[in-house]
Amino acid sequence: MGMAAGRRPTRLLIVEDNMAEITLVRHAIQDACPSPVEIISVLYGEDALLLLETDAKFDLVILDLSLPKMSGHALLQRYKPHYPPTVVFTSSLNENAAERAIALGAREFIRKPSNYEEYIDAICGMIERWGGSSGA
């Protein structure tokens, strides 16, 4: 039996208020990522915290910083140690935003590339680095 055959999908939570962006992430994963991925997306930080607080078992959270109501930084401030790894994926060019996100516990801060090939590499790279439940 091959390695991928017995592996359960990576459970990914996307916290992003831009529907076009969510669609792009879904396409990138379907087009190019080698591992199976199950995607849940929410538009608001509050909804993400609710899902994380209930019994939803996620392997990785991809977080945008500029969200309505509760910002990505505010969500990170309320993050608990047992929550899954979070990668900030944002169009923000602000160095302070990056440093602050890492200081608040984000594992990585990635700027959204404008080129689709780089976008695919960024998304699949996050999933490979942080989403593996098989102890990659």
C-alpha atoms as a PDB file:
ATOM      1  CA  MET A   1       0.000   0.000   0.000  1.00  0.00           C
ATOM      2  CA  GLY A   2       1.385   3.438  -0.961  1.00  0.00           C
ATOM      3  CA  MET A   3       2.125   6.146   1.561  1.00  0.00           C
ATOM      4  CA  ALA A   4      -0.780   8.386   0.546  1.00  0.00           C
ATOM      5  CA  ALA A   5      -3.341   5.583   0.530  1.00  0.00           C
ATOM      6  CA  GLY A   6      -3.680   5.273   4.289  1.00  0.00           C
ATOM      7  CA  ARG A   7      -3.320   8.948   5.055  1.00  0.00           C
ATOM      8  CA  ARG A   8      -6.382  10.847   6.149  1.00  0.00           C
ATOM      9  CA  PRO A   9      -6.937  14.217   4.505  1.00  0.00           C
ATOM     10  CA  THR A  10      -5.373  17.297   6.058  1.00  0.00           C
ATOM     11  CA  ARG A  11      -8.185  19.282   7.700  1.00  0.00           C
ATOM     12  CA  LEU A  12      -7.708  22.909   6.759  1.00  0.00           C
ATOM     13  CA  LEU A  13      -9.530  25.901   8.234  1.00  0.00           C
ATOM     14  CA  ILE A  14      -9.377  29.041   6.089  1.00  0.00           C
ATOM     15  CA  VAL A  15     -10.248  32.309   7.850  1.00  0.00           C
ATOM     16  CA  GLU A  16     -10.781  34.759   4.994  1.00  0.00           C
ATOM     17  CA  ASP A  17     -13.572  37.241   4.244  1.00  0.00           C
ATOM     18  CA  ASN A  18     -12.912  37.460   0.500  1.00  0.00           C
ATOM     19  CA  MET A  19     -14.880  34.726  -1.294  1.00  0.00           C
ATOM     20  CA  ALA A  20     -12.738  35.033  -4.442  1.00  0.00           C
ATOM     21  CA  GLU A  21      -9.654  34.341  -2.322  1.00  0.00           C
ATOM     22  CA  ILE A  22     -11.258  31.241  -0.771  1.00  0.00           C
ATOM     23  CA  THR A  23     -12.114  29.982  -4.276  1.00  0.00           C
ATOM     24  CA  LEU A  24      -8.526  30.585  -5.379  1.00  0.00           C
ATOM     25  CA  VAL A  25      -7.139  28.614  -2.420  1.00  0.00           C
ATOM     26  CA  ARG A  26      -9.549  25.739  -3.177  1.00  0.00           C
ATOM     27  CA  HIS A  27      -8.488  25.702  -6.850  1.00  0.00           C
ATOM     28  CA  ALA A  28      -4.797  25.808  -5.964  1.00  0.00           C
ATOM     29  CA  ILE A  29      -5.228  22.818  -3.637  1.00  0.00           C
ATOM     30  CA  GLN A  30      -7.306  20.817  -6.129  1.00  0.00           C
ATOM     31  CA  ASP A  31      -4.969  21.638  -9.030  1.00  0.00           C
ATOM     32  CA  ALA A  32      -1.638  21.070  -7.452  1.00  0.00           C
ATOM     33  CA  CYS A  33      -1.312  19.849  -3.877  1.00  0.00           C
ATOM     34  CA  PRO A  34      -0.301  16.193  -3.671  1.00  0.00           C
ATOM     35  CA  SER A  35      -1.958  15.402  -0.337  1.00  0.00           C
ATOM     36  CA  PRO A  36      -5.723  15.114   0.124  1.00  0.00           C
ATOM     37  CA  VAL A  37      -7.140  18.195   1.850  1.00  0.00           C
ATOM     38  CA  GLU A  38     -10.527  18.779   3.451  1.00  0.00           C
ATOM     39  CA  ILE A  39     -11.342  22.498   3.471  1.00  0.00           C
ATOM     40  CA  ILE A  40     -13.616  24.426   5.816  1.00  0.00           C
ATOM     41  CA  SER A  41     -13.779  28.188   5.388  1.00  0.00           C
ATOM     42  CA  VAL A  42     -15.214  30.918   7.574  1.00  0.00           C
ATOM     43  CA  LEU A  43     -15.493  34.649   6.947  1.00  0.00           C
ATOM     44  CA  TYR A  44     -15.070  35.866  10.517  1.00  0.00           C
ATOM     45  CA  GLY A  45     -12.542  35.382  13.301  1.00  0.00           C
ATOM     46  CA  GLU A  46     -15.356  34.774  15.798  1.00  0.00           C
ATOM     47  CA  ASP A  47     -16.586  31.813  13.748  1.00  0.00           C
ATOM     48  CA  ALA A  48     -13.070  30.413  13.558  1.00  0.00           C
ATOM     49  CA  LEU A  49     -12.661  30.579  17.356  1.00  0.00           C
ATOM     50  CA  LEU A  50     -16.032  28.911  17.803  1.00  0.00           C
ATOM     51  CA  LEU A  51     -15.027  26.040  15.503  1.00  0.00           C
ATOM     52  CA  LEU A  52     -11.640  25.674  17.196  1.00  0.00           C
ATOM     53  CA  GLU A  53     -13.251  25.754  20.639  1.00  0.00           C
ATOM     54  CA  THR A  54     -15.793  23.055  19.790  1.00  0.00           C
ATOM     55  CA  ASP A  55     -14.682  19.628  18.779  1.00  0.00           C
ATOM     56  CA  ALA A  56     -13.528  20.393  15.241  1.00  0.00           C
ATOM     57  CA  LYS A  57     -10.134  18.820  14.704  1.00  0.00           C
ATOM     58  CA  PHE A  58      -8.090  20.881  12.265  1.00  0.00           C
ATOM     59  CA  ASP A  59      -4.491  20.283  11.243  1.00  0.00           C
ATOM     60  CA  LEU A  60      -3.799  23.791   9.977  1.00  0.00           C
ATOM     61  CA  VAL A  61      -5.358  27.263   9.992  1.00  0.00           C
ATOM     62  CA  ILE A  62      -4.701  29.735   7.174  1.00  0.00           C
ATOM     63  CA  LEU A  63      -5.507  33.208   8.459  1.00  0.00           C
ATOM     64  CA  ASP A  64      -5.973  36.537   6.710  1.00  0.00           C
ATOM     65  CA  LEU A  65      -5.169  39.562   8.880  1.00  0.00           C
ATOM     66  CA  SER A  66      -7.699  42.066   7.540  1.00  0.00           C
ATOM     67  CA  LEU A  67     -11.006  40.563   8.600  1.00  0.00           C
ATOM     68  CA  PRO A  68     -14.225  42.396   9.466  1.00  0.00           C
ATOM     69  CA  LYS A  69     -15.076  42.702  13.170  1.00  0.00           C
ATOM     70  CA  MET A  70     -12.222  40.688  14.725  1.00  0.00           C
ATOM     71  CA  SER A  71      -8.845  41.163  12.992  1.00  0.00           C
ATOM     72  CA  GLY A  72      -6.411  38.329  12.408  1.00  0.00           C
ATOM     73  CA  HIS A  73      -4.172  39.753  15.147  1.00  0.00           C
ATOM     74  CA  ALA A  74      -7.109  39.818  17.581  1.00  0.00           C
ATOM     75  CA  LEU A  75      -7.857  36.185  16.736  1.00  0.00           C
ATOM     76  CA  LEU A  76      -4.217  35.244  17.382  1.00  0.00           C
ATOM     77  CA  GLN A  77      -4.365  36.999  20.764  1.00  0.00           C
ATOM     78  CA  ARG A  78      -7.188  34.633  21.772  1.00  0.00           C
ATOM     79  CA  TYR A  79      -5.445  31.565  20.371  1.00  0.00           C
ATOM     80  CA  LYS A  80      -4.825  28.682  22.757  1.00  0.00           C
ATOM     81  CA  PRO A  81      -1.737  26.432  22.789  1.00  0.00           C
ATOM     82  CA  HIS A  82      -3.699  23.305  21.833  1.00  0.00           C
ATOM     83  CA  TYR A  83      -5.083  24.934  18.669  1.00  0.00           C
ATOM     84  CA  PRO A  84      -3.521  23.819  15.365  1.00  0.00           C
ATOM     85  CA  PRO A  85      -0.614  25.668  13.715  1.00  0.00           C
ATOM     86  CA  THR A  86      -1.629  28.934  12.053  1.00  0.00           C
ATOM     87  CA  VAL A  87      -0.081  30.460   8.968  1.00  0.00           C
ATOM     88  CA  VAL A  88      -0.879  34.092   8.204  1.00  0.00           C
ATOM     89  CA  PHE A  89      -1.554  34.474   4.469  1.00  0.00           C
ATOM     90  CA  THR A  90      -2.153  38.107   3.662  1.00  0.00           C
ATOM     91  CA  SER A  91      -1.632  40.838   1.114  1.00  0.00           C
ATOM     92  CA  SER A  92      -0.307  43.155   3.845  1.00  0.00           C
ATOM     93  CA  LEU A  93       3.192  44.503   3.188  1.00  0.00           C
ATOM     94  CA  ASN A  94       3.540  45.754   6.737  1.00  0.00           C
ATOM     95  CA  GLU A  95       6.668  44.377   8.451  1.00  0.00           C
ATOM     96  CA  ASN A  96       5.220  45.192  11.887  1.00  0.00           C
ATOM     97  CA  ALA A  97       2.139  43.139  11.072  1.00  0.00           C
ATOM     98  CA  ALA A  98       4.374  40.181  10.261  1.00  0.00           C
ATOM     99  CA  GLU A  99       6.453  40.510  13.437  1.00  0.00           C
ATOM    100  CA  ARG A 100       3.350  40.954  15.560  1.00  0.00           C
ATOM    101  CA  ALA A 101       1.652  37.893  14.047  1.00  0.00           C
ATOM    102  CA  ILE A 102       4.727  35.726  14.733  1.00  0.00           C
ATOM    103  CA  ALA A 103       5.002  37.137  18.264  1.00  0.00           C
ATOM    104  CA  LEU A 104       1.351  36.176  18.833  1.00  0.00           C
ATOM    105  CA  GLY A 105       2.051  32.592  17.816  1.00  0.00           C
ATOM    106  CA  ALA A 106       1.620  32.343  14.045  1.00  0.00           C
ATOM    107  CA  ARG A 107       4.062  29.754  12.681  1.00  0.00           C
ATOM    108  CA  GLU A 108       4.661  31.577   9.441  1.00  0.00           C
ATOM    109  CA  PHE A 109       3.755  34.846   7.694  1.00  0.00           C
ATOM    110  CA  ILE A 110       3.357  34.582   3.928  1.00  0.00           C
ATOM    111  CA  ARG A 111       2.470  37.413   1.560  1.00  0.00           C
ATOM    112  CA  LYS A 112      -0.064  36.440  -1.090  1.00  0.00           C
ATOM    113  CA  PRO A 113       1.798  36.201  -4.394  1.00  0.00           C
ATOM    114  CA  SER A 114       0.236  37.805  -7.463  1.00  0.00           C
ATOM    115  CA  ASN A 115       1.471  35.019  -9.746  1.00  0.00           C
ATOM    116  CA  TYR A 116      -0.695  31.856  -9.744  1.00  0.00           C
ATOM    117  CA  GLU A 117       2.261  29.433  -9.907  1.00  0.00           C
ATOM    118  CA  GLU A 118       3.820  31.062  -6.833  1.00  0.00           C
ATOM    119  CA  TYR A 119       0.399  31.087  -5.175  1.00  0.00           C
ATOM    120  CA  ILE A 120       0.102  27.316  -5.679  1.00  0.00           C
ATOM    121  CA  ASP A 121       3.622  26.808  -4.294  1.00  0.00           C
ATOM    122  CA  ALA A 122       2.768  28.931  -1.241  1.00  0.00           C
ATOM    123  CA  ILE A 123      -0.473  27.057  -0.481  1.00  0.00           C
ATOM    124  CA  CYS A 124       0.895  23.546  -1.071  1.00  0.00           C
ATOM    125  CA  GLY A 125       4.055  24.433   0.877  1.00  0.00           C
ATOM    126  CA  MET A 126       2.024  25.480   3.934  1.00  0.00           C
ATOM    127  CA  ILE A 127       0.036  22.259   3.821  1.00  0.00           C
ATOM    128  CA  GLU A 128       3.155  20.120   3.449  1.00  0.00           C
ATOM    129  CA  ARG A 129       5.032  21.964   6.232  1.00  0.00           C
ATOM    130  CA  TRP A 130       2.305  22.386   8.812  1.00  0.00           C
ATOM    131  CA  GLY A 131      -0.702  20.288   7.868  1.00  0.00           C
ATOM    132  CA  GLY A 132       0.771  16.820   8.000  1.00  0.00           C
ATOM    133  CA  SER A 133      -0.820  14.625  10.619  1.00  0.00           C
ATOM    134  CA  SER A 134       1.503  11.764   9.694  1.00  0.00           C
ATOM    135  CA  GLY A 135       4.483  13.344  11.414  1.00  0.00           C
ATOM    136  CA  ALA A 136       6.076  14.554   8.178  1.00  0.00           C
END
